[in-house]
N, C-alpha and C. Protein backbone atom coordinates (compact mmCIF):
# COMPACT_ATOMS: atom_id res chain seq x y z
N MET A 1 9.27 -11.57 16.56
CA MET A 1 9.26 -11.19 15.17
C MET A 1 8.45 -9.90 15.04
N SER A 2 8.93 -8.98 14.24
CA SER A 2 8.25 -7.69 14.08
C SER A 2 6.93 -7.87 13.33
N PHE A 3 6.04 -6.90 13.50
CA PHE A 3 4.72 -6.98 12.87
C PHE A 3 4.84 -7.03 11.35
N ILE A 4 5.76 -6.28 10.76
CA ILE A 4 5.89 -6.27 9.29
C ILE A 4 6.33 -7.65 8.80
N ARG A 5 7.16 -8.35 9.58
CA ARG A 5 7.57 -9.70 9.20
C ARG A 5 6.38 -10.66 9.28
N VAL A 6 5.59 -10.52 10.31
CA VAL A 6 4.38 -11.35 10.45
C VAL A 6 3.43 -11.08 9.28
N LYS A 7 3.24 -9.80 8.99
CA LYS A 7 2.36 -9.42 7.88
C LYS A 7 2.87 -10.01 6.56
N ALA A 8 4.17 -9.94 6.32
CA ALA A 8 4.76 -10.49 5.10
C ALA A 8 4.56 -12.01 5.08
N LEU A 9 4.80 -12.66 6.19
CA LEU A 9 4.64 -14.11 6.26
C LEU A 9 3.19 -14.51 5.98
N GLN A 10 2.25 -13.78 6.54
CA GLN A 10 0.83 -14.07 6.29
C GLN A 10 0.49 -13.93 4.81
N ARG A 11 1.01 -12.89 4.16
CA ARG A 11 0.75 -12.69 2.73
C ARG A 11 1.36 -13.81 1.89
N ILE A 12 2.58 -14.20 2.24
CA ILE A 12 3.25 -15.27 1.49
C ILE A 12 2.55 -16.61 1.72
N ALA A 13 2.10 -16.85 2.95
CA ALA A 13 1.39 -18.10 3.26
C ALA A 13 0.07 -18.18 2.48
N ALA A 14 -0.56 -17.04 2.27
CA ALA A 14 -1.83 -17.02 1.54
C ALA A 14 -1.62 -17.29 0.06
N GLU A 15 -0.45 -16.87 -0.46
CA GLU A 15 -0.21 -17.00 -1.89
C GLU A 15 1.27 -16.76 -2.19
N PRO A 16 1.94 -17.70 -2.86
CA PRO A 16 3.33 -17.42 -3.27
C PRO A 16 3.36 -16.14 -4.11
N THR A 17 4.42 -15.39 -3.96
CA THR A 17 4.46 -14.08 -4.61
C THR A 17 5.90 -13.69 -4.95
N THR A 18 6.03 -12.71 -5.82
CA THR A 18 7.35 -12.17 -6.11
C THR A 18 7.68 -11.10 -5.06
N LEU A 19 8.95 -10.79 -4.93
CA LEU A 19 9.36 -9.74 -3.98
C LEU A 19 8.73 -8.40 -4.35
N ARG A 20 8.69 -8.10 -5.65
CA ARG A 20 8.12 -6.82 -6.09
C ARG A 20 6.64 -6.72 -5.71
N ARG A 21 5.90 -7.79 -5.94
CA ARG A 21 4.46 -7.76 -5.61
C ARG A 21 4.27 -7.68 -4.09
N LEU A 22 5.10 -8.40 -3.35
CA LEU A 22 5.02 -8.35 -1.89
C LEU A 22 5.29 -6.93 -1.39
N ALA A 23 6.29 -6.27 -1.96
CA ALA A 23 6.59 -4.89 -1.57
C ALA A 23 5.39 -3.99 -1.81
N THR A 24 4.73 -4.17 -2.93
CA THR A 24 3.54 -3.36 -3.24
C THR A 24 2.44 -3.64 -2.23
N ARG A 25 2.20 -4.90 -1.95
CA ARG A 25 1.11 -5.27 -1.02
C ARG A 25 1.40 -4.82 0.41
N LEU A 26 2.68 -4.75 0.79
CA LEU A 26 3.04 -4.30 2.14
C LEU A 26 3.23 -2.79 2.23
N ALA A 27 3.23 -2.12 1.08
CA ALA A 27 3.50 -0.68 1.01
C ALA A 27 4.89 -0.36 1.58
N THR A 28 5.86 -1.22 1.22
CA THR A 28 7.25 -0.99 1.63
C THR A 28 8.10 -0.91 0.37
N ASP A 29 9.29 -0.34 0.49
CA ASP A 29 10.14 -0.27 -0.70
C ASP A 29 10.83 -1.62 -0.91
N PRO A 30 11.20 -1.93 -2.16
CA PRO A 30 11.79 -3.24 -2.47
C PRO A 30 13.02 -3.60 -1.64
N PRO A 31 13.97 -2.69 -1.40
CA PRO A 31 15.13 -3.10 -0.59
C PRO A 31 14.74 -3.53 0.83
N TYR A 32 13.79 -2.83 1.44
CA TYR A 32 13.35 -3.21 2.79
C TYR A 32 12.61 -4.54 2.74
N THR A 33 11.82 -4.76 1.71
CA THR A 33 11.12 -6.03 1.56
C THR A 33 12.12 -7.17 1.44
N THR A 34 13.21 -6.94 0.75
CA THR A 34 14.26 -7.96 0.64
C THR A 34 14.85 -8.27 2.02
N VAL A 35 15.07 -7.25 2.84
CA VAL A 35 15.58 -7.46 4.20
C VAL A 35 14.60 -8.32 5.00
N VAL A 36 13.32 -8.01 4.89
CA VAL A 36 12.28 -8.76 5.62
C VAL A 36 12.28 -10.22 5.16
N VAL A 37 12.28 -10.45 3.85
CA VAL A 37 12.25 -11.81 3.32
C VAL A 37 13.54 -12.55 3.66
N ASP A 38 14.68 -11.86 3.62
CA ASP A 38 15.95 -12.48 4.03
C ASP A 38 15.84 -13.04 5.45
N ASP A 39 15.25 -12.23 6.35
CA ASP A 39 15.10 -12.67 7.73
C ASP A 39 14.16 -13.87 7.83
N LEU A 40 13.04 -13.81 7.12
CA LEU A 40 12.11 -14.94 7.15
C LEU A 40 12.77 -16.20 6.60
N GLN A 41 13.61 -16.04 5.59
CA GLN A 41 14.31 -17.19 5.02
C GLN A 41 15.34 -17.75 6.02
N ARG A 42 16.07 -16.87 6.70
CA ARG A 42 17.04 -17.32 7.72
C ARG A 42 16.34 -18.12 8.81
N ARG A 43 15.11 -17.74 9.12
CA ARG A 43 14.34 -18.44 10.16
C ARG A 43 13.73 -19.75 9.65
N GLY A 44 13.86 -20.02 8.35
CA GLY A 44 13.32 -21.24 7.78
C GLY A 44 11.82 -21.18 7.52
N LEU A 45 11.27 -19.96 7.40
CA LEU A 45 9.82 -19.80 7.24
C LEU A 45 9.39 -19.65 5.78
N VAL A 46 10.32 -19.21 4.93
CA VAL A 46 10.03 -19.06 3.49
C VAL A 46 11.25 -19.51 2.70
N HIS A 47 11.04 -19.75 1.42
CA HIS A 47 12.18 -19.95 0.53
C HIS A 47 11.88 -19.30 -0.80
N ARG A 48 12.96 -19.04 -1.54
CA ARG A 48 12.84 -18.39 -2.84
C ARG A 48 13.19 -19.38 -3.93
N GLN A 49 12.53 -19.18 -5.07
CA GLN A 49 12.88 -19.97 -6.25
C GLN A 49 12.78 -19.08 -7.47
N VAL A 50 13.45 -19.46 -8.51
CA VAL A 50 13.43 -18.67 -9.75
C VAL A 50 12.02 -18.71 -10.33
N HIS A 51 11.55 -17.55 -10.74
CA HIS A 51 10.23 -17.44 -11.39
C HIS A 51 10.30 -18.19 -12.72
N PRO A 52 9.33 -19.06 -13.01
CA PRO A 52 9.42 -19.86 -14.24
C PRO A 52 9.34 -19.03 -15.52
N ALA A 53 8.68 -17.88 -15.47
CA ALA A 53 8.52 -17.06 -16.68
C ALA A 53 9.54 -15.92 -16.77
N ASP A 54 10.23 -15.62 -15.67
CA ASP A 54 11.17 -14.50 -15.65
C ASP A 54 12.34 -14.87 -14.73
N ARG A 55 13.44 -15.30 -15.32
CA ARG A 55 14.57 -15.77 -14.53
C ARG A 55 15.20 -14.68 -13.66
N ARG A 56 14.88 -13.41 -13.93
CA ARG A 56 15.41 -12.32 -13.10
C ARG A 56 14.63 -12.17 -11.81
N ALA A 57 13.40 -12.69 -11.78
CA ALA A 57 12.53 -12.56 -10.61
C ALA A 57 12.58 -13.83 -9.76
N ARG A 58 12.25 -13.69 -8.49
CA ARG A 58 12.17 -14.81 -7.56
C ARG A 58 10.76 -14.88 -7.00
N ILE A 59 10.27 -16.10 -6.84
CA ILE A 59 8.98 -16.31 -6.18
C ILE A 59 9.28 -16.75 -4.75
N VAL A 60 8.59 -16.14 -3.81
CA VAL A 60 8.76 -16.49 -2.40
C VAL A 60 7.58 -17.37 -2.00
N THR A 61 7.89 -18.52 -1.42
CA THR A 61 6.86 -19.45 -0.96
C THR A 61 7.09 -19.78 0.50
N VAL A 62 6.03 -20.19 1.15
CA VAL A 62 6.10 -20.50 2.57
C VAL A 62 6.56 -21.96 2.75
N THR A 63 7.31 -22.21 3.81
CA THR A 63 7.70 -23.56 4.19
C THR A 63 6.64 -24.12 5.15
N PRO A 64 6.68 -25.40 5.46
CA PRO A 64 5.74 -25.93 6.45
C PRO A 64 5.85 -25.20 7.80
N ASP A 65 7.06 -24.89 8.24
CA ASP A 65 7.22 -24.13 9.50
C ASP A 65 6.63 -22.73 9.36
N GLY A 66 6.80 -22.13 8.18
CA GLY A 66 6.24 -20.81 7.94
C GLY A 66 4.72 -20.82 7.94
N ALA A 67 4.13 -21.86 7.36
CA ALA A 67 2.67 -21.98 7.35
C ALA A 67 2.14 -22.12 8.78
N ALA A 68 2.84 -22.88 9.60
CA ALA A 68 2.44 -23.03 11.00
C ALA A 68 2.57 -21.71 11.76
N ALA A 69 3.66 -20.97 11.51
CA ALA A 69 3.85 -19.67 12.17
C ALA A 69 2.80 -18.67 11.72
N ALA A 70 2.45 -18.68 10.44
CA ALA A 70 1.42 -17.76 9.93
C ALA A 70 0.06 -18.10 10.55
N ALA A 71 -0.25 -19.39 10.68
CA ALA A 71 -1.52 -19.79 11.29
C ALA A 71 -1.57 -19.37 12.76
N LEU A 72 -0.45 -19.50 13.47
CA LEU A 72 -0.39 -19.06 14.86
C LEU A 72 -0.60 -17.55 14.94
N ALA A 73 0.03 -16.80 14.06
CA ALA A 73 -0.14 -15.35 14.05
C ALA A 73 -1.60 -14.99 13.79
N ASP A 74 -2.24 -15.69 12.85
CA ASP A 74 -3.67 -15.45 12.57
C ASP A 74 -4.50 -15.64 13.83
N ARG A 75 -4.24 -16.74 14.56
CA ARG A 75 -5.01 -17.01 15.79
C ARG A 75 -4.76 -15.94 16.85
N ILE A 76 -3.51 -15.55 17.02
CA ILE A 76 -3.17 -14.55 18.04
C ILE A 76 -3.83 -13.21 17.70
N LEU A 77 -3.71 -12.79 16.44
CA LEU A 77 -4.26 -11.48 16.05
C LEU A 77 -5.78 -11.47 16.02
N ALA A 78 -6.41 -12.64 15.89
CA ALA A 78 -7.88 -12.70 15.84
C ALA A 78 -8.50 -12.75 17.24
N GLU A 79 -7.68 -13.04 18.25
CA GLU A 79 -8.22 -13.17 19.61
C GLU A 79 -8.09 -11.84 20.36
N PRO A 80 -9.22 -11.32 20.85
CA PRO A 80 -9.15 -10.05 21.59
C PRO A 80 -8.34 -10.22 22.88
N PRO A 81 -7.66 -9.17 23.30
CA PRO A 81 -6.93 -9.23 24.57
C PRO A 81 -7.88 -9.47 25.74
N GLU A 82 -7.39 -10.12 26.77
CA GLU A 82 -8.20 -10.46 27.94
C GLU A 82 -8.98 -9.28 28.52
N PRO A 83 -8.38 -8.08 28.67
CA PRO A 83 -9.15 -6.97 29.23
C PRO A 83 -10.41 -6.63 28.40
N LEU A 84 -10.33 -6.78 27.09
CA LEU A 84 -11.52 -6.53 26.26
C LEU A 84 -12.58 -7.59 26.49
N LEU A 85 -12.16 -8.82 26.70
CA LEU A 85 -13.11 -9.90 26.93
C LEU A 85 -13.88 -9.72 28.24
N ARG A 86 -13.30 -8.97 29.18
CA ARG A 86 -13.95 -8.75 30.48
C ARG A 86 -14.93 -7.58 30.47
N LEU A 87 -14.97 -6.79 29.39
CA LEU A 87 -15.90 -5.66 29.34
C LEU A 87 -17.33 -6.15 29.20
N ASP A 88 -18.25 -5.43 29.86
CA ASP A 88 -19.66 -5.79 29.70
C ASP A 88 -20.19 -5.15 28.41
N PRO A 89 -21.37 -5.53 27.95
CA PRO A 89 -21.89 -5.02 26.68
C PRO A 89 -21.99 -3.49 26.60
N ASP A 90 -22.36 -2.83 27.70
CA ASP A 90 -22.43 -1.37 27.67
C ASP A 90 -21.05 -0.74 27.48
N GLU A 91 -20.04 -1.30 28.14
CA GLU A 91 -18.68 -0.80 27.98
C GLU A 91 -18.17 -1.03 26.56
N LEU A 92 -18.49 -2.19 25.99
CA LEU A 92 -18.08 -2.47 24.61
C LEU A 92 -18.75 -1.50 23.63
N ALA A 93 -20.03 -1.20 23.87
CA ALA A 93 -20.74 -0.26 23.00
C ALA A 93 -20.10 1.13 23.09
N TYR A 94 -19.75 1.55 24.31
CA TYR A 94 -19.11 2.85 24.51
C TYR A 94 -17.75 2.88 23.79
N LEU A 95 -16.98 1.81 23.95
CA LEU A 95 -15.67 1.72 23.30
C LEU A 95 -15.84 1.79 21.78
N ALA A 96 -16.83 1.09 21.24
CA ALA A 96 -17.08 1.11 19.80
C ALA A 96 -17.41 2.52 19.32
N ARG A 97 -18.19 3.26 20.10
CA ARG A 97 -18.51 4.65 19.72
C ARG A 97 -17.26 5.52 19.72
N LEU A 98 -16.41 5.36 20.74
CA LEU A 98 -15.17 6.15 20.81
C LEU A 98 -14.25 5.84 19.64
N VAL A 99 -14.07 4.57 19.34
CA VAL A 99 -13.20 4.18 18.23
C VAL A 99 -13.77 4.71 16.92
N GLY A 100 -15.09 4.64 16.77
CA GLY A 100 -15.74 5.19 15.58
C GLY A 100 -15.44 6.67 15.40
N LYS A 101 -15.50 7.42 16.49
CA LYS A 101 -15.20 8.86 16.43
C LYS A 101 -13.74 9.09 16.02
N LEU A 102 -12.85 8.30 16.57
CA LEU A 102 -11.43 8.44 16.22
C LEU A 102 -11.20 8.14 14.75
N LEU A 103 -11.84 7.10 14.24
CA LEU A 103 -11.68 6.75 12.83
C LEU A 103 -12.27 7.82 11.92
N GLU A 104 -13.38 8.39 12.31
CA GLU A 104 -13.99 9.47 11.52
C GLU A 104 -13.09 10.69 11.45
N ALA A 105 -12.35 10.94 12.52
CA ALA A 105 -11.48 12.11 12.58
C ALA A 105 -10.28 11.97 11.64
N GLY A 106 -9.93 10.75 11.28
CA GLY A 106 -8.79 10.53 10.39
C GLY A 106 -7.49 10.57 11.15
N PRO A 107 -6.37 10.38 10.43
CA PRO A 107 -5.07 10.36 11.09
C PRO A 107 -4.70 11.74 11.61
N PRO A 108 -3.97 11.77 12.72
CA PRO A 108 -3.55 13.06 13.27
C PRO A 108 -2.49 13.71 12.38
N ALA A 109 -2.53 15.00 12.32
CA ALA A 109 -1.52 15.75 11.55
C ALA A 109 -0.26 15.88 12.39
N GLY A 110 0.87 15.92 11.72
CA GLY A 110 2.14 16.12 12.40
C GLY A 110 2.31 17.57 12.79
N PRO A 111 3.42 17.91 13.44
CA PRO A 111 3.66 19.28 13.89
C PRO A 111 3.65 20.29 12.74
N ASP A 112 4.01 19.82 11.54
CA ASP A 112 4.02 20.73 10.39
C ASP A 112 2.69 20.73 9.63
N GLY A 113 1.70 20.00 10.16
CA GLY A 113 0.39 19.94 9.51
C GLY A 113 0.24 18.83 8.50
N SER A 114 1.33 18.10 8.24
CA SER A 114 1.26 17.01 7.26
C SER A 114 0.66 15.76 7.90
N VAL A 115 0.06 14.92 7.06
CA VAL A 115 -0.51 13.65 7.51
C VAL A 115 0.45 12.55 7.10
N PRO A 116 0.80 11.64 8.04
CA PRO A 116 1.74 10.58 7.69
C PRO A 116 1.17 9.67 6.61
N SER A 117 2.06 9.10 5.79
CA SER A 117 1.62 8.16 4.75
C SER A 117 1.17 6.86 5.40
N PRO A 118 0.36 6.05 4.69
CA PRO A 118 -0.12 4.79 5.28
C PRO A 118 1.01 3.86 5.70
N SER A 119 2.13 3.86 5.02
CA SER A 119 3.22 2.96 5.38
C SER A 119 3.90 3.39 6.68
N CYS A 120 3.66 4.62 7.15
CA CYS A 120 4.27 5.10 8.39
C CYS A 120 3.42 4.78 9.60
N ARG A 121 2.16 4.39 9.38
CA ARG A 121 1.28 4.12 10.51
C ARG A 121 1.42 2.72 11.01
């Protein structure tokens, strides 16, 4: 499953939401968000129901299988990769300094000097 689908599933598992709100939270356009939710629904991880206050809107909720998949994704993403676990404290401190420098520098500019939008990263 792609990272954006995992991210969408995690957001839906945390709180039922409308497609429009999910698109905003994922920084994706509504048609693409619909494609993502369609796939999650085909997999049996979420389902849609009519919004009680607005019949034109749908609320997306997680299924029991979806909740289990979201919890698994949380565990996987929270666990550092094995090579990081093998670093000694001095190596970890050096890595932290390097990553800090990269974050301070900000996103790299493209060939035309433009900076990619957050949804492109």
